Amino acid sequence: MEKSICTYGFIPVRSEATERAEMVTQLLFGEIFDIVEKQEAWCKIKAHHDQYEGWINSKLVVSLMDKEVENWINAEKWVVPAPFIRVVSEPDKTTHLLSGGSTIYFNESDRNSFRIGNKEYYLSGNYSANKPAGSIADNATAFINAPYLWGGRSFYGIDCSGLTQNVYKIAGFQLPRDASQQVELGSIVNFVEEAVLGDLAFFDNEEGVITHVGLCLGKGDIIHASGRVRIDKLDHQGIFDEETKSYSHKLRVIKRLL
């Protein structure tokens, strides 16, 4: 099966082979995917990191040798911390902004550059990949004010489960894509007062379907993507919005995954 690597800040993944179709998720820079079907100007792909499937424009697929992809798959990788970094590619000298959660496999002797296909990429500015990784709280709050975007996984637009998936990925843990999948993991936290940094809180609708997820920050705070990435208060009823003085989401369960 043909494999490739996302070489853009992100690639929209759609439910059908048309630009008009719903965006169901995004591939971030450096993520591996299988090409499982081709249809005119579209490719159906399956992401390695969460097994999500959908359609991407074939113009965004970079043709690579099998060995190049295998080296990338097997190498020790660095996950970009939030919110983003800037890299420059050679020989075209173009700039790329890589959102938090993107993946880089550095050249063996240099943690400043890496290669994909016929392009060499360099970290731009004063950023160093050797600086210590931030905490889960740091990586989560770095997304503050990112706009809500259904199917989004980047600082430029993100949905609720995309936020939790990305924050966990930066911390070195892989989560499934959707809130309904993430809720199946971990152990139950019995009381909201016992929630600690990194716990995930899940919320349902009137039919009992899980529709929302947020990351607990401790001390009754939760960060989540609702309109924008924001911090609100969490209690036994759900998320309380100070701006509207009302509850925006009804709590179903809190799970501890770490």
Protein backbone atom coordinates (compact mmCIF):
# COMPACT_ATOMS: atom_id res chain seq x y z
CA MET A 1 0.00 0.00 0.00
CA GLU A 2 1.31 3.43 -0.95
CA LYS A 3 2.26 5.67 1.97
CA SER A 4 3.04 9.36 2.16
CA ILE A 5 3.82 12.16 4.63
CA CYS A 6 1.92 15.40 5.14
CA THR A 7 4.27 18.21 4.06
CA TYR A 8 1.85 21.09 4.62
CA GLY A 9 0.90 22.92 7.80
CA PHE A 10 -2.24 20.82 7.59
CA ILE A 11 -4.26 18.98 4.96
CA PRO A 12 -8.09 19.01 5.17
CA VAL A 13 -9.54 15.49 5.20
CA ARG A 14 -13.08 15.37 3.86
CA SER A 15 -15.97 12.93 4.12
CA GLU A 16 -16.28 12.65 0.33
CA ALA A 17 -14.14 13.31 -2.74
CA THR A 18 -15.18 16.92 -3.23
CA GLU A 19 -14.18 20.32 -1.82
CA ARG A 20 -17.82 20.85 -0.85
CA ALA A 21 -17.80 17.86 1.51
CA GLU A 22 -17.57 18.15 5.29
CA MET A 23 -14.06 18.35 6.74
CA VAL A 24 -13.92 15.48 9.23
CA THR A 25 -10.33 15.95 10.41
CA GLN A 26 -6.92 17.27 9.37
CA LEU A 27 -3.51 15.77 8.79
CA LEU A 28 -0.74 17.78 10.45
CA PHE A 29 2.77 18.22 9.10
CA GLY A 30 4.87 15.07 9.39
CA GLU A 31 1.98 12.66 9.91
CA ILE A 32 2.04 9.43 7.89
CA PHE A 33 -0.93 8.20 5.94
CA ASP A 34 -1.84 5.28 3.67
CA ILE A 35 -3.45 5.87 0.29
CA VAL A 36 -6.22 3.29 0.16
CA GLU A 37 -8.11 4.45 -2.95
CA LYS A 38 -7.75 6.93 -5.81
CA GLN A 39 -10.62 8.68 -7.56
CA GLU A 40 -9.84 11.26 -10.26
CA ALA A 41 -8.32 14.24 -8.37
CA TRP A 42 -8.82 12.69 -4.93
CA CYS A 43 -7.19 10.10 -2.69
CA LYS A 44 -8.85 8.24 0.14
CA ILE A 45 -6.39 8.06 3.00
CA LYS A 46 -6.03 6.37 6.37
CA ALA A 47 -3.97 8.20 8.99
CA HIS A 48 -1.44 6.09 10.88
CA HIS A 49 -1.72 7.93 14.21
CA ASP A 50 -5.47 7.43 14.77
CA GLN A 51 -6.67 5.25 11.85
CA TYR A 52 -9.06 8.00 10.69
CA GLU A 53 -10.15 7.80 7.05
CA GLY A 54 -11.26 10.40 4.55
CA TRP A 55 -10.49 12.09 1.27
CA ILE A 56 -7.73 14.58 0.41
CA ASN A 57 -6.92 16.42 -2.79
CA SER A 58 -4.33 14.39 -4.71
CA LYS A 59 -2.35 17.58 -5.43
CA LEU A 60 -1.39 17.58 -1.75
CA VAL A 61 0.18 14.12 -1.88
CA VAL A 62 3.98 14.13 -2.13
CA SER A 63 5.40 11.14 -4.01
CA LEU A 64 8.11 9.53 -1.88
CA MET A 65 10.25 6.42 -2.03
CA ASP A 66 9.16 3.59 0.27
CA LYS A 67 12.49 3.75 2.09
CA GLU A 68 12.04 7.45 2.88
CA VAL A 69 8.64 6.84 4.43
CA GLU A 70 9.87 3.80 6.37
CA ASN A 71 12.77 5.80 7.80
CA TRP A 72 10.32 8.49 8.92
CA ILE A 73 7.98 5.91 10.46
CA ASN A 74 10.73 4.16 12.44
CA ALA A 75 12.72 7.21 13.55
CA GLU A 76 12.58 8.89 16.92
CA LYS A 77 10.41 11.95 16.37
CA TRP A 78 9.91 15.34 17.94
CA VAL A 79 6.35 16.62 18.32
CA VAL A 80 6.07 20.38 17.90
CA PRO A 81 4.79 22.08 21.07
CA ALA A 82 1.91 24.52 20.82
CA PRO A 83 1.10 26.93 19.40
CA PHE A 84 3.39 26.73 16.32
CA ILE A 85 6.92 27.02 14.94
CA ARG A 86 8.29 28.39 11.68
CA VAL A 87 10.45 26.38 9.26
CA VAL A 88 12.01 27.29 5.92
CA SER A 89 12.40 24.78 3.10
CA GLU A 90 15.19 24.57 0.54
CA PRO A 91 15.70 24.93 -2.37
CA ASP A 92 12.50 26.98 -2.79
CA LYS A 93 13.18 29.14 0.32
CA THR A 94 9.52 29.15 1.34
CA THR A 95 8.23 29.48 4.90
CA HIS A 96 5.96 26.97 6.63
CA LEU A 97 4.11 27.45 9.92
CA LEU A 98 3.79 24.13 11.74
CA SER A 99 1.06 23.96 14.35
CA GLY A 100 1.54 22.29 17.70
CA GLY A 101 1.14 18.53 17.25
CA SER A 102 3.12 18.42 14.00
CA THR A 103 5.84 15.77 13.79
CA ILE A 104 9.51 16.12 12.84
CA TYR A 105 12.26 13.52 12.33
CA PHE A 106 15.53 15.44 12.51
CA ASN A 107 18.69 14.66 10.59
CA GLU A 108 20.91 12.41 12.69
CA SER A 109 23.60 15.00 13.40
CA ASP A 110 21.45 18.14 13.54
CA ARG A 111 18.32 18.97 15.55
CA ASN A 112 17.84 22.04 13.44
CA SER A 113 17.11 20.46 10.05
CA PHE A 114 15.27 17.56 8.45
CA ARG A 115 14.53 16.24 4.98
CA ILE A 116 11.39 15.00 3.23
CA GLY A 117 11.81 13.98 -0.38
CA ASN A 118 13.87 16.55 -2.28
CA LYS A 119 13.37 19.32 0.28
CA GLU A 120 15.50 20.21 3.28
CA TYR A 121 13.77 22.05 6.12
CA TYR A 122 15.35 24.28 8.77
CA LEU A 123 13.96 25.66 11.99
CA SER A 124 13.61 29.42 11.58
CA GLY A 125 14.22 32.10 14.19
CA ASN A 126 15.59 31.47 17.67
CA TYR A 127 13.49 28.39 18.39
CA SER A 128 15.42 25.34 19.61
CA ALA A 129 14.12 21.79 19.53
CA ASN A 130 16.44 21.05 22.46
CA LYS A 131 14.54 23.22 24.90
CA PRO A 132 12.54 21.25 27.51
CA ALA A 133 8.99 20.32 26.62
CA GLY A 134 6.25 22.28 28.36
CA SER A 135 3.74 20.79 30.77
CA ILE A 136 0.30 19.57 29.71
CA ALA A 137 -1.11 22.82 31.09
CA ASP A 138 1.40 24.87 29.06
CA ASN A 139 0.62 23.01 25.85
CA ALA A 140 -3.14 23.21 26.40
CA THR A 141 -3.25 26.91 27.27
CA ALA A 142 -1.03 27.72 24.27
CA PHE A 143 -4.15 27.04 22.16
CA ILE A 144 -6.19 29.69 24.01
CA ASN A 145 -8.36 31.74 21.61
CA ALA A 146 -7.81 29.37 18.68
CA PRO A 147 -11.17 29.47 16.85
CA TYR A 148 -13.45 26.45 16.96
CA LEU A 149 -13.45 24.58 13.66
CA TRP A 150 -15.29 21.31 13.09
CA GLY A 151 -12.67 18.73 12.11
CA GLY A 152 -9.80 21.10 12.98
CA ARG A 153 -6.60 20.01 14.72
CA SER A 154 -4.42 23.11 14.47
CA PHE A 155 -3.93 26.48 16.16
CA TYR A 156 -5.72 28.08 13.21
CA GLY A 157 -8.93 26.15 13.95
CA ILE A 158 -9.60 23.22 16.25
CA ASP A 159 -12.52 21.22 17.62
CA CYS A 160 -12.94 19.85 21.13
CA SER A 161 -11.53 16.36 20.57
CA GLY A 162 -8.85 17.74 18.25
CA LEU A 163 -7.65 19.86 21.17
CA THR A 164 -7.45 16.97 23.63
CA GLN A 165 -5.89 14.68 21.01
CA ASN A 166 -3.24 17.28 20.17
CA VAL A 167 -2.36 18.14 23.77
CA TYR A 168 -1.95 14.44 24.58
CA LYS A 169 0.10 13.89 21.42
CA ILE A 170 2.52 16.67 22.41
CA ALA A 171 2.82 14.97 25.81
CA GLY A 172 3.70 11.67 24.12
CA PHE A 173 0.34 9.87 24.23
CA GLN A 174 -1.87 8.91 21.30
CA LEU A 175 -5.62 9.36 21.61
CA PRO A 176 -8.36 8.39 19.15
CA ARG A 177 -9.81 11.24 17.10
CA ASP A 178 -13.38 11.60 18.41
CA ALA A 179 -14.76 12.30 21.89
CA SER A 180 -16.99 9.21 21.59
CA GLN A 181 -13.81 7.12 21.16
CA GLN A 182 -11.74 8.92 23.79
CA VAL A 183 -14.39 8.31 26.47
CA GLU A 184 -13.79 4.56 26.19
CA LEU A 185 -10.27 4.96 27.62
CA GLY A 186 -8.99 5.34 31.17
CA SER A 187 -10.61 4.96 34.58
CA ILE A 188 -13.57 6.85 36.03
CA VAL A 189 -12.99 9.76 38.40
CA ASN A 190 -15.90 9.49 40.83
CA PHE A 191 -16.11 13.09 42.01
CA VAL A 192 -15.46 16.29 40.10
CA GLU A 193 -13.51 17.61 43.10
CA GLU A 194 -10.99 14.78 42.53
CA ALA A 195 -10.24 15.80 38.93
CA VAL A 196 -6.58 16.67 38.36
CA LEU A 197 -4.54 18.16 35.55
CA GLY A 198 -4.78 15.97 32.46
CA ASP A 199 -8.10 14.26 33.24
CA LEU A 200 -10.65 14.40 30.44
CA ALA A 201 -14.24 15.47 31.11
CA PHE A 202 -16.96 14.29 28.72
CA PHE A 203 -20.36 15.83 28.11
CA ASP A 204 -23.53 14.48 26.51
CA ASN A 205 -26.72 15.73 24.91
CA GLU A 206 -30.33 14.99 25.81
CA GLU A 207 -30.11 11.63 24.03
CA GLY A 208 -27.09 10.62 26.12
CA VAL A 209 -24.65 10.87 23.18
CA ILE A 210 -21.15 12.12 23.99
CA THR A 211 -20.81 15.39 22.08
CA HIS A 212 -18.03 17.30 23.85
CA VAL A 213 -14.74 16.81 25.69
CA GLY A 214 -12.43 19.10 27.62
CA LEU A 215 -9.19 18.82 29.55
CA CYS A 216 -9.20 19.40 33.29
CA LEU A 217 -6.63 21.85 34.59
CA GLY A 218 -7.31 21.19 38.27
CA LYS A 219 -8.90 23.50 40.88
CA GLY A 220 -12.22 23.38 39.07
CA ASP A 221 -10.91 24.74 35.75
CA ILE A 222 -11.38 23.12 32.34
CA ILE A 223 -9.98 24.09 28.95
CA HIS A 224 -12.09 23.22 25.92
CA ALA A 225 -12.95 24.30 22.40
CA SER A 226 -16.38 25.91 22.27
CA GLY A 227 -16.58 28.89 19.92
CA ARG A 228 -12.90 29.27 20.72
CA VAL A 229 -10.44 27.53 23.00
CA ARG A 230 -11.24 28.87 26.46
CA ILE A 231 -11.02 28.14 30.17
CA ASP A 232 -14.25 27.78 32.13
CA LYS A 233 -15.36 26.40 35.48
CA LEU A 234 -16.36 22.74 35.88
CA ASP A 235 -18.65 21.36 38.58
CA HIS A 236 -20.86 18.31 39.05
CA GLN A 237 -23.46 19.72 36.65
CA GLY A 238 -21.08 20.62 33.83
CA ILE A 239 -19.30 23.62 32.35
CA PHE A 240 -20.38 27.00 33.70
CA ASP A 241 -19.97 29.93 31.33
CA GLU A 242 -19.24 33.09 33.34
CA GLU A 243 -20.09 35.28 30.34
CA THR A 244 -23.64 33.99 30.00
CA LYS A 245 -24.05 32.94 33.67
CA SER A 246 -25.34 29.55 32.51
CA TYR A 247 -24.23 25.98 31.93
CA SER A 248 -23.05 25.33 28.37
CA HIS A 249 -22.40 21.56 28.61
CA LYS A 250 -23.83 18.80 30.82
CA LEU A 251 -21.24 16.58 32.52
CA ARG A 252 -21.43 12.86 31.80
CA VAL A 253 -18.15 11.44 33.16
CA ILE A 254 -14.55 12.30 33.97
CA LYS A 255 -11.85 9.83 32.94
CA ARG A 256 -8.20 9.57 34.05
CA LEU A 257 -5.87 8.44 31.27
CA LEU A 258 -2.47 9.38 32.68
